[in-house]
């Protein structure tokens, strides 16, 4: 029985290693995902995932966040990357359009699961300085914002 369990874990480890080589950590993972799927400069990985990951993980952005905000940023980064790995593992033939939809679908879950409803109250100015407001002209991003407002409550995050 132990051999079977070990074999399953070893197989999962090898599968994850096949998805992301060791040099594909943190935000650079988006570049590696792009190499795997080749969605181009307007694809999710290059146009949205990588730049936003970098923006939220650069030293100046992290320095503006409270300790809870820092935990949220790290948790959300890992959650979003895990979600994409999961998509590759469960649906290896995913197209670029499908990946974009599935990746965006993971955003609300990751934000909320990592504590955004609390962080938005204490770190709203730091968050406001970090977001790229051009992203808010995207239908996919507006859907996320709407879902987060429904989950957290309109006056929970967005009152000054």
N, C-alpha and C. Protein backbone atom coordinates (compact mmCIF):
# COMPACT_ATOMS: atom_id res chain seq x y z
N UNK A 1 0.82 -1.19 0.00
CA UNK A 1 0.00 0.00 0.00
C UNK A 1 0.87 1.27 0.00
N UNK A 2 1.94 1.27 0.84
CA UNK A 2 2.84 2.43 0.87
C UNK A 2 3.48 2.66 -0.49
N UNK A 3 3.81 1.58 -1.17
CA UNK A 3 4.43 1.70 -2.50
C UNK A 3 3.47 2.35 -3.48
N UNK A 4 2.20 1.99 -3.39
CA UNK A 4 1.19 2.56 -4.27
C UNK A 4 1.05 4.07 -4.01
N UNK A 5 0.94 4.45 -2.74
CA UNK A 5 0.81 5.87 -2.39
C UNK A 5 2.06 6.63 -2.82
N UNK A 6 3.23 6.07 -2.56
CA UNK A 6 4.48 6.72 -2.97
C UNK A 6 4.51 6.89 -4.49
N UNK A 7 4.08 5.86 -5.21
CA UNK A 7 4.05 5.92 -6.67
C UNK A 7 3.13 7.01 -7.18
N UNK A 8 1.98 7.15 -6.53
CA UNK A 8 1.03 8.20 -6.93
C UNK A 8 1.65 9.58 -6.71
N UNK A 9 2.23 9.79 -5.51
CA UNK A 9 2.86 11.08 -5.22
C UNK A 9 4.03 11.35 -6.15
N UNK A 10 4.82 10.33 -6.45
CA UNK A 10 5.95 10.50 -7.35
C UNK A 10 5.45 10.89 -8.74
N UNK A 11 4.38 10.24 -9.19
CA UNK A 11 3.80 10.55 -10.49
C UNK A 11 3.28 11.98 -10.55
N UNK A 12 2.61 12.43 -9.47
CA UNK A 12 2.13 13.81 -9.43
C UNK A 12 3.29 14.79 -9.44
N UNK A 13 4.33 14.48 -8.68
CA UNK A 13 5.51 15.35 -8.64
C UNK A 13 6.14 15.46 -10.02
N UNK A 14 6.24 14.33 -10.72
CA UNK A 14 6.82 14.35 -12.06
C UNK A 14 5.94 15.13 -13.03
N UNK A 15 4.62 15.00 -12.88
CA UNK A 15 3.70 15.72 -13.75
C UNK A 15 3.83 17.23 -13.52
N UNK A 16 3.87 17.64 -12.26
CA UNK A 16 4.03 19.06 -11.97
C UNK A 16 5.37 19.56 -12.48
N UNK A 17 6.42 18.77 -12.32
CA UNK A 17 7.73 19.14 -12.85
C UNK A 17 7.71 19.28 -14.35
N UNK A 18 6.87 18.47 -15.02
CA UNK A 18 6.76 18.57 -16.47
C UNK A 18 6.04 19.85 -16.87
N UNK A 19 5.17 20.34 -16.01
CA UNK A 19 4.44 21.56 -16.30
C UNK A 19 5.36 22.77 -16.11
N UNK A 20 6.06 22.80 -15.00
CA UNK A 20 6.94 23.93 -14.71
C UNK A 20 8.33 23.47 -14.32
N UNK A 21 9.32 23.75 -15.12
CA UNK A 21 10.70 23.43 -14.72
C UNK A 21 11.10 24.25 -13.49
N UNK A 22 12.17 23.85 -12.84
CA UNK A 22 12.61 24.48 -11.61
C UNK A 22 12.89 25.97 -11.70
N UNK A 23 13.24 26.46 -12.89
CA UNK A 23 13.54 27.90 -13.02
C UNK A 23 12.29 28.74 -13.23
N UNK A 24 11.14 28.11 -13.22
CA UNK A 24 9.88 28.81 -13.44
C UNK A 24 9.19 29.05 -12.10
N UNK A 25 9.69 30.02 -11.37
CA UNK A 25 9.13 30.29 -10.06
C UNK A 25 8.47 31.66 -10.05
N UNK A 26 7.56 31.81 -9.11
CA UNK A 26 6.84 33.05 -8.90
C UNK A 26 6.34 33.60 -10.25
N UNK A 27 6.54 34.86 -10.51
CA UNK A 27 5.98 35.49 -11.71
C UNK A 27 6.56 34.94 -13.01
N UNK A 28 7.79 34.46 -12.97
CA UNK A 28 8.39 33.89 -14.19
C UNK A 28 7.63 32.66 -14.67
N UNK A 29 6.83 32.07 -13.80
CA UNK A 29 6.02 30.93 -14.21
C UNK A 29 5.10 31.30 -15.37
N UNK A 30 4.62 32.54 -15.40
CA UNK A 30 3.75 32.97 -16.51
C UNK A 30 4.49 32.91 -17.85
N UNK A 31 5.77 33.24 -17.85
CA UNK A 31 6.57 33.12 -19.08
C UNK A 31 6.68 31.66 -19.50
N UNK A 32 6.85 30.79 -18.52
CA UNK A 32 6.95 29.35 -18.82
C UNK A 32 5.62 28.81 -19.33
N UNK A 33 4.52 29.27 -18.74
CA UNK A 33 3.20 28.86 -19.23
C UNK A 33 3.02 29.33 -20.67
N UNK A 34 3.48 30.55 -20.96
CA UNK A 34 3.39 31.08 -22.32
C UNK A 34 4.19 30.22 -23.29
N UNK A 35 5.37 29.78 -22.88
CA UNK A 35 6.17 28.90 -23.74
C UNK A 35 5.43 27.60 -24.04
N UNK A 36 4.67 27.12 -23.07
CA UNK A 36 3.93 25.87 -23.24
C UNK A 36 2.75 26.02 -24.20
N UNK A 37 2.02 27.14 -24.07
CA UNK A 37 0.78 27.28 -24.82
C UNK A 37 0.88 28.24 -26.00
N UNK A 38 1.84 29.14 -26.00
CA UNK A 38 2.07 30.09 -27.09
C UNK A 38 0.82 30.88 -27.47
N UNK A 39 0.33 31.68 -26.54
CA UNK A 39 -0.86 32.49 -26.79
C UNK A 39 -0.53 33.87 -27.36
N UNK A 40 0.73 34.25 -27.35
CA UNK A 40 1.14 35.51 -27.95
C UNK A 40 1.04 36.70 -27.02
N UNK A 41 1.38 37.88 -27.55
CA UNK A 41 1.46 39.08 -26.72
C UNK A 41 0.12 39.54 -26.15
N UNK A 42 -0.99 39.13 -26.76
CA UNK A 42 -2.31 39.51 -26.25
C UNK A 42 -2.95 38.40 -25.43
N UNK A 43 -2.23 37.30 -25.27
CA UNK A 43 -2.75 36.18 -24.48
C UNK A 43 -2.71 36.48 -22.99
N UNK A 44 -3.42 35.67 -22.23
CA UNK A 44 -3.54 35.88 -20.79
C UNK A 44 -2.19 35.97 -20.08
N UNK A 45 -1.28 35.06 -20.39
CA UNK A 45 -0.02 34.99 -19.65
C UNK A 45 0.83 36.25 -19.84
N UNK A 46 0.94 36.71 -21.08
CA UNK A 46 1.80 37.84 -21.40
C UNK A 46 1.13 39.18 -21.15
N UNK A 47 -0.14 39.30 -21.50
CA UNK A 47 -0.82 40.59 -21.41
C UNK A 47 -1.39 40.87 -20.02
N UNK A 48 -1.70 39.83 -19.26
CA UNK A 48 -2.34 40.06 -17.97
C UNK A 48 -1.62 39.39 -16.80
N UNK A 49 -1.43 38.09 -16.87
CA UNK A 49 -0.87 37.35 -15.74
C UNK A 49 0.49 37.83 -15.30
N UNK A 50 1.44 37.84 -16.22
CA UNK A 50 2.81 38.22 -15.87
C UNK A 50 2.91 39.67 -15.38
N UNK A 51 2.37 40.65 -16.12
CA UNK A 51 2.53 42.03 -15.65
C UNK A 51 1.86 42.29 -14.30
N UNK A 52 0.69 41.70 -14.07
CA UNK A 52 0.02 41.91 -12.79
C UNK A 52 0.74 41.21 -11.65
N UNK A 53 1.26 40.04 -11.91
CA UNK A 53 2.04 39.33 -10.91
C UNK A 53 3.25 40.17 -10.51
N UNK A 54 3.95 40.67 -11.51
CA UNK A 54 5.14 41.51 -11.24
C UNK A 54 4.75 42.76 -10.45
N UNK A 55 3.67 43.38 -10.87
CA UNK A 55 3.23 44.62 -10.22
C UNK A 55 2.97 44.38 -8.73
N UNK A 56 2.30 43.27 -8.40
CA UNK A 56 1.94 43.00 -7.01
C UNK A 56 3.08 42.37 -6.21
N UNK A 57 4.13 41.95 -6.86
CA UNK A 57 5.24 41.32 -6.15
C UNK A 57 6.53 42.14 -6.17
N UNK A 58 6.50 43.32 -6.78
CA UNK A 58 7.71 44.14 -6.76
C UNK A 58 7.85 44.78 -5.38
N UNK A 59 9.07 45.06 -5.01
CA UNK A 59 9.39 45.55 -3.66
C UNK A 59 8.58 46.77 -3.26
N UNK A 60 8.41 47.71 -4.18
CA UNK A 60 7.70 48.95 -3.84
C UNK A 60 6.24 48.66 -3.51
N UNK A 61 5.60 47.76 -4.22
CA UNK A 61 4.21 47.40 -3.94
C UNK A 61 4.09 46.66 -2.62
N UNK A 62 4.98 45.71 -2.40
CA UNK A 62 4.97 44.94 -1.16
C UNK A 62 5.21 45.85 0.04
N UNK A 63 6.10 46.82 -0.10
CA UNK A 63 6.42 47.74 1.00
C UNK A 63 5.21 48.57 1.42
N UNK A 64 4.29 48.83 0.50
CA UNK A 64 3.11 49.63 0.82
C UNK A 64 2.05 48.83 1.57
N UNK A 65 2.12 47.50 1.49
CA UNK A 65 1.09 46.66 2.10
C UNK A 65 1.35 46.43 3.58
N UNK A 66 0.26 46.24 4.31
CA UNK A 66 0.35 45.86 5.72
C UNK A 66 0.84 44.41 5.78
N UNK A 67 1.19 43.91 6.97
CA UNK A 67 1.57 42.50 7.06
C UNK A 67 0.49 41.56 6.52
N UNK A 68 -0.77 41.87 6.80
CA UNK A 68 -1.87 41.06 6.27
C UNK A 68 -1.95 41.19 4.76
N UNK A 69 -1.72 42.38 4.24
CA UNK A 69 -1.72 42.60 2.80
C UNK A 69 -0.60 41.84 2.11
N UNK A 70 0.55 41.78 2.75
CA UNK A 70 1.68 41.01 2.20
C UNK A 70 1.33 39.52 2.11
N UNK A 71 0.69 39.01 3.17
CA UNK A 71 0.26 37.60 3.16
C UNK A 71 -0.75 37.37 2.04
N UNK A 72 -1.68 38.32 1.88
CA UNK A 72 -2.69 38.20 0.82
C UNK A 72 -2.02 38.17 -0.56
N UNK A 73 -1.07 39.07 -0.80
CA UNK A 73 -0.40 39.12 -2.11
C UNK A 73 0.33 37.81 -2.40
N UNK A 74 1.02 37.28 -1.42
CA UNK A 74 1.75 36.02 -1.61
C UNK A 74 0.77 34.86 -1.81
N UNK A 75 -0.25 34.80 -0.98
CA UNK A 75 -1.25 33.73 -1.10
C UNK A 75 -1.94 33.78 -2.46
N UNK A 76 -2.32 34.97 -2.90
CA UNK A 76 -3.02 35.13 -4.18
C UNK A 76 -2.12 34.74 -5.34
N UNK A 77 -0.88 35.17 -5.30
CA UNK A 77 0.08 34.80 -6.35
C UNK A 77 0.18 33.29 -6.46
N UNK A 78 0.37 32.62 -5.35
CA UNK A 78 0.50 31.16 -5.35
C UNK A 78 -0.79 30.48 -5.79
N UNK A 79 -1.92 30.99 -5.32
CA UNK A 79 -3.21 30.41 -5.68
C UNK A 79 -3.47 30.50 -7.18
N UNK A 80 -3.19 31.66 -7.77
CA UNK A 80 -3.41 31.84 -9.21
C UNK A 80 -2.50 30.92 -10.02
N UNK A 81 -1.24 30.80 -9.61
CA UNK A 81 -0.32 29.91 -10.32
C UNK A 81 -0.73 28.45 -10.16
N UNK A 82 -1.17 28.08 -8.96
CA UNK A 82 -1.65 26.71 -8.73
C UNK A 82 -2.87 26.42 -9.59
N UNK A 83 -3.75 27.41 -9.74
CA UNK A 83 -4.94 27.23 -10.57
C UNK A 83 -4.56 26.96 -12.02
N UNK A 84 -3.59 27.69 -12.53
CA UNK A 84 -3.15 27.48 -13.92
C UNK A 84 -2.49 26.11 -14.07
N UNK A 85 -1.67 25.73 -13.10
CA UNK A 85 -1.07 24.39 -13.14
C UNK A 85 -2.16 23.34 -13.17
N UNK A 86 -3.19 23.54 -12.36
CA UNK A 86 -4.31 22.61 -12.32
C UNK A 86 -5.02 22.51 -13.66
N UNK A 87 -5.16 23.63 -14.35
CA UNK A 87 -5.78 23.62 -15.68
C UNK A 87 -4.94 22.80 -16.64
N UNK A 88 -3.63 23.02 -16.63
CA UNK A 88 -2.74 22.24 -17.50
C UNK A 88 -2.81 20.75 -17.17
N UNK A 89 -2.91 20.42 -15.88
CA UNK A 89 -2.93 19.01 -15.48
C UNK A 89 -4.24 18.33 -15.87
N UNK A 90 -5.37 19.02 -15.70
CA UNK A 90 -6.66 18.39 -15.95
C UNK A 90 -7.13 18.55 -17.39
N UNK A 91 -6.65 19.56 -18.08
CA UNK A 91 -7.08 19.80 -19.46
C UNK A 91 -5.88 20.21 -20.31
N UNK A 92 -4.96 19.27 -20.56
CA UNK A 92 -3.73 19.62 -21.27
C UNK A 92 -3.94 20.16 -22.69
N UNK A 93 -5.10 19.91 -23.28
CA UNK A 93 -5.37 20.38 -24.65
C UNK A 93 -6.11 21.72 -24.65
N UNK A 94 -6.04 22.45 -23.56
CA UNK A 94 -6.72 23.73 -23.43
C UNK A 94 -6.21 24.72 -24.49
N UNK A 95 -7.15 25.44 -25.11
CA UNK A 95 -6.77 26.49 -26.06
C UNK A 95 -6.46 27.78 -25.30
N UNK A 96 -5.91 28.75 -26.00
CA UNK A 96 -5.59 30.04 -25.38
C UNK A 96 -6.85 30.73 -24.86
N UNK A 97 -7.92 30.71 -25.65
CA UNK A 97 -9.17 31.34 -25.22
C UNK A 97 -9.75 30.64 -23.99
N UNK A 98 -9.70 29.31 -23.99
CA UNK A 98 -10.19 28.57 -22.83
C UNK A 98 -9.33 28.87 -21.60
N UNK A 99 -8.02 28.92 -21.79
CA UNK A 99 -7.12 29.21 -20.68
C UNK A 99 -7.43 30.57 -20.08
N UNK A 100 -7.65 31.55 -20.94
CA UNK A 100 -7.95 32.90 -20.46
C UNK A 100 -9.21 32.89 -19.59
N UNK A 101 -10.26 32.23 -20.08
CA UNK A 101 -11.51 32.15 -19.31
C UNK A 101 -11.31 31.42 -17.99
N UNK A 102 -10.65 30.28 -18.04
CA UNK A 102 -10.43 29.48 -16.84
C UNK A 102 -9.53 30.19 -15.84
N UNK A 103 -8.49 30.84 -16.34
CA UNK A 103 -7.59 31.58 -15.45
C UNK A 103 -8.32 32.73 -14.78
N UNK A 104 -9.08 33.50 -15.56
CA UNK A 104 -9.85 34.59 -14.96
C UNK A 104 -10.87 34.07 -13.96
N UNK A 105 -11.46 32.92 -14.24
CA UNK A 105 -12.42 32.33 -13.31
C UNK A 105 -11.79 32.04 -11.95
N UNK A 106 -10.50 31.79 -11.92
CA UNK A 106 -9.83 31.48 -10.65
C UNK A 106 -9.54 32.73 -9.82
N UNK A 107 -9.59 33.89 -10.42
CA UNK A 107 -9.19 35.11 -9.72
C UNK A 107 -10.06 35.41 -8.50
N UNK A 108 -11.36 35.39 -8.66
CA UNK A 108 -12.25 35.74 -7.55
C UNK A 108 -12.06 34.74 -6.41
N UNK A 109 -12.03 33.46 -6.74
CA UNK A 109 -11.83 32.43 -5.72
C UNK A 109 -10.52 32.66 -4.97
N UNK A 110 -9.45 32.90 -5.70
CA UNK A 110 -8.15 33.12 -5.06
C UNK A 110 -8.13 34.39 -4.23
N UNK A 111 -8.66 35.48 -4.76
CA UNK A 111 -8.69 36.74 -4.01
C UNK A 111 -9.43 36.55 -2.68
N UNK A 112 -10.64 35.98 -2.77
CA UNK A 112 -11.48 35.85 -1.58
C UNK A 112 -10.90 34.83 -0.61
N UNK A 113 -10.48 33.70 -1.13
CA UNK A 113 -9.90 32.64 -0.30
C UNK A 113 -8.67 33.15 0.47
N UNK A 114 -7.93 34.06 -0.12
CA UNK A 114 -6.71 34.59 0.51
C UNK A 114 -6.98 35.81 1.40
N UNK A 115 -8.24 36.21 1.52
CA UNK A 115 -8.59 37.25 2.48
C UNK A 115 -8.79 38.65 1.93
N UNK A 116 -9.11 38.77 0.64
CA UNK A 116 -9.25 40.10 0.04
C UNK A 116 -10.32 40.94 0.75
N UNK A 117 -11.39 40.33 1.20
CA UNK A 117 -12.47 41.10 1.82
C UNK A 117 -12.00 41.84 3.07
N UNK A 118 -11.00 41.33 3.74
CA UNK A 118 -10.41 42.04 4.88
C UNK A 118 -9.30 42.99 4.44
N UNK A 119 -8.47 42.53 3.53
CA UNK A 119 -7.33 43.32 3.07
C UNK A 119 -7.79 44.60 2.37
N UNK A 120 -8.88 44.53 1.63
CA UNK A 120 -9.33 45.72 0.90
C UNK A 120 -9.74 46.84 1.85
N UNK A 121 -10.10 46.49 3.08
CA UNK A 121 -10.46 47.52 4.07
C UNK A 121 -9.22 48.26 4.58
N UNK A 122 -8.17 47.52 4.84
CA UNK A 122 -6.98 48.11 5.46
C UNK A 122 -5.94 48.58 4.46
N UNK A 123 -5.93 48.00 3.28
CA UNK A 123 -4.87 48.28 2.30
C UNK A 123 -5.39 48.89 1.00
N UNK A 124 -6.58 49.50 1.06
CA UNK A 124 -7.19 49.98 -0.19
C UNK A 124 -6.31 50.98 -0.93
N UNK A 125 -5.59 51.84 -0.21
CA UNK A 125 -4.73 52.82 -0.89
C UNK A 125 -3.54 52.14 -1.54
N UNK A 126 -2.97 51.18 -0.86
CA UNK A 126 -1.84 50.44 -1.44
C UNK A 126 -2.30 49.66 -2.67
N UNK A 127 -3.47 49.05 -2.57
CA UNK A 127 -4.02 48.32 -3.72
C UNK A 127 -4.30 49.28 -4.87
N UNK A 128 -4.92 50.41 -4.55
CA UNK A 128 -5.26 51.39 -5.59
C UNK A 128 -4.02 51.88 -6.33
N UNK A 129 -2.91 51.98 -5.63
CA UNK A 129 -1.66 52.43 -6.27
C UNK A 129 -1.00 51.34 -7.09
N UNK A 130 -1.44 50.11 -6.92
CA UNK A 130 -0.79 48.98 -7.59
C UNK A 130 -1.53 48.53 -8.84
N UNK A 131 -2.85 48.60 -8.81
CA UNK A 131 -3.62 48.13 -9.97
C UNK A 131 -3.30 48.95 -11.22
N UNK A 132 -3.40 48.31 -12.36
CA UNK A 132 -3.30 48.98 -13.65
C UNK A 132 -4.74 49.28 -14.07
N UNK A 133 -5.12 50.54 -14.04
CA UNK A 133 -6.52 50.89 -14.28
C UNK A 133 -6.98 50.61 -15.70
N UNK A 134 -6.09 50.45 -16.64
CA UNK A 134 -6.48 50.06 -18.00
C UNK A 134 -7.15 48.69 -17.98
N UNK A 135 -6.74 47.84 -17.03
CA UNK A 135 -7.34 46.50 -16.94
C UNK A 135 -8.84 46.58 -16.65
N UNK A 136 -9.29 47.64 -16.01
CA UNK A 136 -10.70 47.75 -15.63
C UNK A 136 -11.60 48.01 -16.83
N UNK A 137 -11.02 48.20 -18.01
CA UNK A 137 -11.81 48.34 -19.23
C UNK A 137 -12.06 46.99 -19.88
N UNK A 138 -11.58 45.94 -19.26
CA UNK A 138 -11.76 44.58 -19.76
C UNK A 138 -13.03 43.98 -19.16
N UNK A 139 -13.84 43.33 -20.00
CA UNK A 139 -15.06 42.69 -19.53
C UNK A 139 -14.74 41.63 -18.49
N UNK A 140 -13.68 40.87 -18.70
CA UNK A 140 -13.30 39.81 -17.76
C UNK A 140 -12.97 40.40 -16.39
N UNK A 141 -12.26 41.51 -16.36
CA UNK A 141 -11.90 42.15 -15.08
C UNK A 141 -13.13 42.75 -14.42
N UNK A 142 -14.00 43.37 -15.20
CA UNK A 142 -15.23 43.94 -14.63
C UNK A 142 -16.10 42.85 -14.01
N UNK A 143 -16.13 41.67 -14.63
CA UNK A 143 -16.86 40.54 -14.04
C UNK A 143 -16.25 40.15 -12.70
N UNK A 144 -14.93 40.16 -12.62
CA UNK A 144 -14.26 39.84 -11.36
C UNK A 144 -14.61 40.85 -10.28
N UNK A 145 -14.53 42.12 -10.63
CA UNK A 145 -14.83 43.18 -9.66
C UNK A 145 -16.26 43.03 -9.16
N UNK A 146 -17.20 42.78 -10.07
CA UNK A 146 -18.59 42.59 -9.69
C UNK A 146 -18.75 41.41 -8.73
N UNK A 147 -18.11 40.31 -9.04
CA UNK A 147 -18.20 39.12 -8.18
C UNK A 147 -17.58 39.38 -6.81
N UNK A 148 -16.48 40.11 -6.78
CA UNK A 148 -15.83 40.42 -5.49
C UNK A 148 -16.71 41.37 -4.68
N UNK A 149 -17.31 42.36 -5.32
CA UNK A 149 -18.21 43.27 -4.62
C UNK A 149 -19.39 42.50 -4.04
N UNK A 150 -19.94 41.56 -4.81
CA UNK A 150 -21.05 40.74 -4.31
C UNK A 150 -20.61 39.90 -3.11
N UNK A 151 -19.40 39.39 -3.16
CA UNK A 151 -18.90 38.53 -2.08
C UNK A 151 -18.53 39.33 -0.84
N UNK A 152 -17.80 40.41 -1.02
CA UNK A 152 -17.30 41.20 0.12
C UNK A 152 -18.32 42.21 0.62
N UNK A 153 -19.20 42.63 -0.26
CA UNK A 153 -20.16 43.69 0.08
C UNK A 153 -19.67 45.02 -0.47
N UNK A 154 -20.57 45.77 -1.05
CA UNK A 154 -20.22 47.03 -1.71
C UNK A 154 -19.52 47.99 -0.76
N UNK A 155 -20.03 48.14 0.44
CA UNK A 155 -19.47 49.14 1.34
C UNK A 155 -18.33 48.59 2.18
N UNK A 156 -18.05 47.32 2.04
CA UNK A 156 -16.95 46.71 2.78
C UNK A 156 -15.60 47.22 2.29
N UNK A 157 -15.43 47.28 0.99
CA UNK A 157 -14.13 47.65 0.41
C UNK A 157 -14.10 49.04 -0.18
N UNK A 158 -15.19 49.44 -0.76
CA UNK A 158 -15.13 50.58 -1.67
C UNK A 158 -15.64 51.88 -1.08
N UNK A 159 -15.63 51.99 0.23
CA UNK A 159 -15.93 53.29 0.85
C UNK A 159 -14.62 53.90 1.31
N UNK A 160 -14.52 55.19 1.24
CA UNK A 160 -13.28 55.88 1.61
C UNK A 160 -13.50 56.58 2.91
